[in-house]
Amino acid sequence: MRTTLDIPEKLIDEAMKATGAKTKSQLIKDALQEQIDRSKRKKLIALKGTVDLDIDLDTLRDRKL
């Protein structure tokens, strides 16, 4: 999908140097993926302490000791 964006060239150049991206498209894809990943991590961190993970694997697997 083609999209026209008005992003300062200096910002693009600096981001490409910092990330090692070879193309502008790669830079934008990587930046978007990083933002998505960051957002998902924040949501997972917000769940900390709210999920009961007291799991007994032997019971789940119906094992007898």
C-alpha atoms as a PDB file:
ATOM      1  CA  MET A   1       0.000   0.000   0.000  1.00  0.00           C
ATOM      2  CA  ARG A   2       1.380   3.365  -0.957  1.00  0.00           C
ATOM      3  CA  THR A   3       1.009   6.292   1.406  1.00  0.00           C
ATOM      4  CA  THR A   4       2.417   9.772   1.247  1.00  0.00           C
ATOM      5  CA  LEU A   5       3.827  11.088   4.518  1.00  0.00           C
ATOM      6  CA  ASP A   6       5.378  14.428   5.341  1.00  0.00           C
ATOM      7  CA  ILE A   7       8.278  13.448   7.619  1.00  0.00           C
ATOM      8  CA  PRO A   8      11.331  15.688   8.028  1.00  0.00           C
ATOM      9  CA  GLU A   9      14.257  14.256   6.051  1.00  0.00           C
ATOM     10  CA  LYS A  10      16.627  14.939   8.970  1.00  0.00           C
ATOM     11  CA  LEU A  11      14.458  12.743  11.220  1.00  0.00           C
ATOM     12  CA  ILE A  12      14.382   9.943   8.629  1.00  0.00           C
ATOM     13  CA  ASP A  13      18.159  10.106   8.152  1.00  0.00           C
ATOM     14  CA  GLU A  14      18.826  10.044  11.893  1.00  0.00           C
ATOM     15  CA  ALA A  15      16.436   7.117  12.414  1.00  0.00           C
ATOM     16  CA  MET A  16      18.009   5.158   9.558  1.00  0.00           C
ATOM     17  CA  LYS A  17      21.490   5.666  11.019  1.00  0.00           C
ATOM     18  CA  ALA A  18      20.326   4.729  14.521  1.00  0.00           C
ATOM     19  CA  THR A  19      18.490   1.569  13.440  1.00  0.00           C
ATOM     20  CA  GLY A  20      20.586   0.469  10.485  1.00  0.00           C
ATOM     21  CA  ALA A  21      17.524   0.358   8.233  1.00  0.00           C
ATOM     22  CA  LYS A  22      18.494   0.150   4.568  1.00  0.00           C
ATOM     23  CA  THR A  23      15.336   1.693   3.144  1.00  0.00           C
ATOM     24  CA  LYS A  24      12.716   4.174   4.266  1.00  0.00           C
ATOM     25  CA  SER A  25      10.048   1.506   3.905  1.00  0.00           C
ATOM     26  CA  GLN A  26      11.968  -0.852   6.166  1.00  0.00           C
ATOM     27  CA  LEU A  27      12.443   1.949   8.683  1.00  0.00           C
ATOM     28  CA  ILE A  28       8.721   2.732   8.810  1.00  0.00           C
ATOM     29  CA  LYS A  29       7.734  -0.961   9.024  1.00  0.00           C
ATOM     30  CA  ASP A  30      10.205  -1.563  11.854  1.00  0.00           C
ATOM     31  CA  ALA A  31       9.064   1.559  13.714  1.00  0.00           C
ATOM     32  CA  LEU A  32       5.407   0.578  13.427  1.00  0.00           C
ATOM     33  CA  GLN A  33       6.120  -2.980  14.582  1.00  0.00           C
ATOM     34  CA  GLU A  34       8.136  -1.667  17.542  1.00  0.00           C
ATOM     35  CA  GLN A  35       5.254   0.597  18.549  1.00  0.00           C
ATOM     36  CA  ILE A  36       2.802  -2.304  18.326  1.00  0.00           C
ATOM     37  CA  ASP A  37       5.106  -4.531  20.393  1.00  0.00           C
ATOM     38  CA  ARG A  38       5.581  -1.798  23.009  1.00  0.00           C
ATOM     39  CA  SER A  39       1.832  -1.332  23.305  1.00  0.00           C
ATOM     40  CA  LYS A  40       1.268  -5.072  23.756  1.00  0.00           C
ATOM     41  CA  ARG A  41       3.995  -5.256  26.432  1.00  0.00           C
ATOM     42  CA  LYS A  42       2.363  -2.393  28.341  1.00  0.00           C
ATOM     43  CA  LYS A  43      -0.964  -4.232  28.292  1.00  0.00           C
ATOM     44  CA  LEU A  44       0.686  -7.422  29.568  1.00  0.00           C
ATOM     45  CA  ILE A  45       2.522  -5.542  32.304  1.00  0.00           C
ATOM     46  CA  ALA A  46      -0.778  -3.980  33.371  1.00  0.00           C
ATOM     47  CA  LEU A  47      -2.082  -7.523  34.011  1.00  0.00           C
ATOM     48  CA  LYS A  48       0.707  -8.209  36.511  1.00  0.00           C
ATOM     49  CA  GLY A  49      -0.806  -9.526  39.704  1.00  0.00           C
ATOM     50  CA  THR A  50      -4.298  -9.858  38.272  1.00  0.00           C
ATOM     51  CA  VAL A  51      -3.970 -13.369  36.860  1.00  0.00           C
ATOM     52  CA  ASP A  52      -3.794 -16.346  39.215  1.00  0.00           C
ATOM     53  CA  LEU A  53      -1.072 -18.639  37.923  1.00  0.00           C
ATOM     54  CA  ASP A  54      -1.138 -21.153  40.788  1.00  0.00           C
ATOM     55  CA  ILE A  55      -0.893 -24.111  38.439  1.00  0.00           C
ATOM     56  CA  ASP A  56      -0.053 -27.664  39.472  1.00  0.00           C
ATOM     57  CA  LEU A  57       1.193 -29.390  36.337  1.00  0.00           C
ATOM     58  CA  ASP A  58       0.869 -32.868  37.865  1.00  0.00           C
ATOM     59  CA  THR A  59      -2.840 -32.255  38.465  1.00  0.00           C
ATOM     60  CA  LEU A  60      -3.308 -30.842  34.990  1.00  0.00           C
ATOM     61  CA  ARG A  61      -1.647 -33.877  33.484  1.00  0.00           C
ATOM     62  CA  ASP A  62      -3.425 -36.308  35.839  1.00  0.00           C
ATOM     63  CA  ARG A  63      -0.117 -37.678  37.098  1.00  0.00           C
ATOM     64  CA  LYS A  64       0.163 -39.590  40.298  1.00  0.00           C
ATOM     65  CA  LEU A  65       3.334 -39.417  42.337  1.00  0.00           C
END
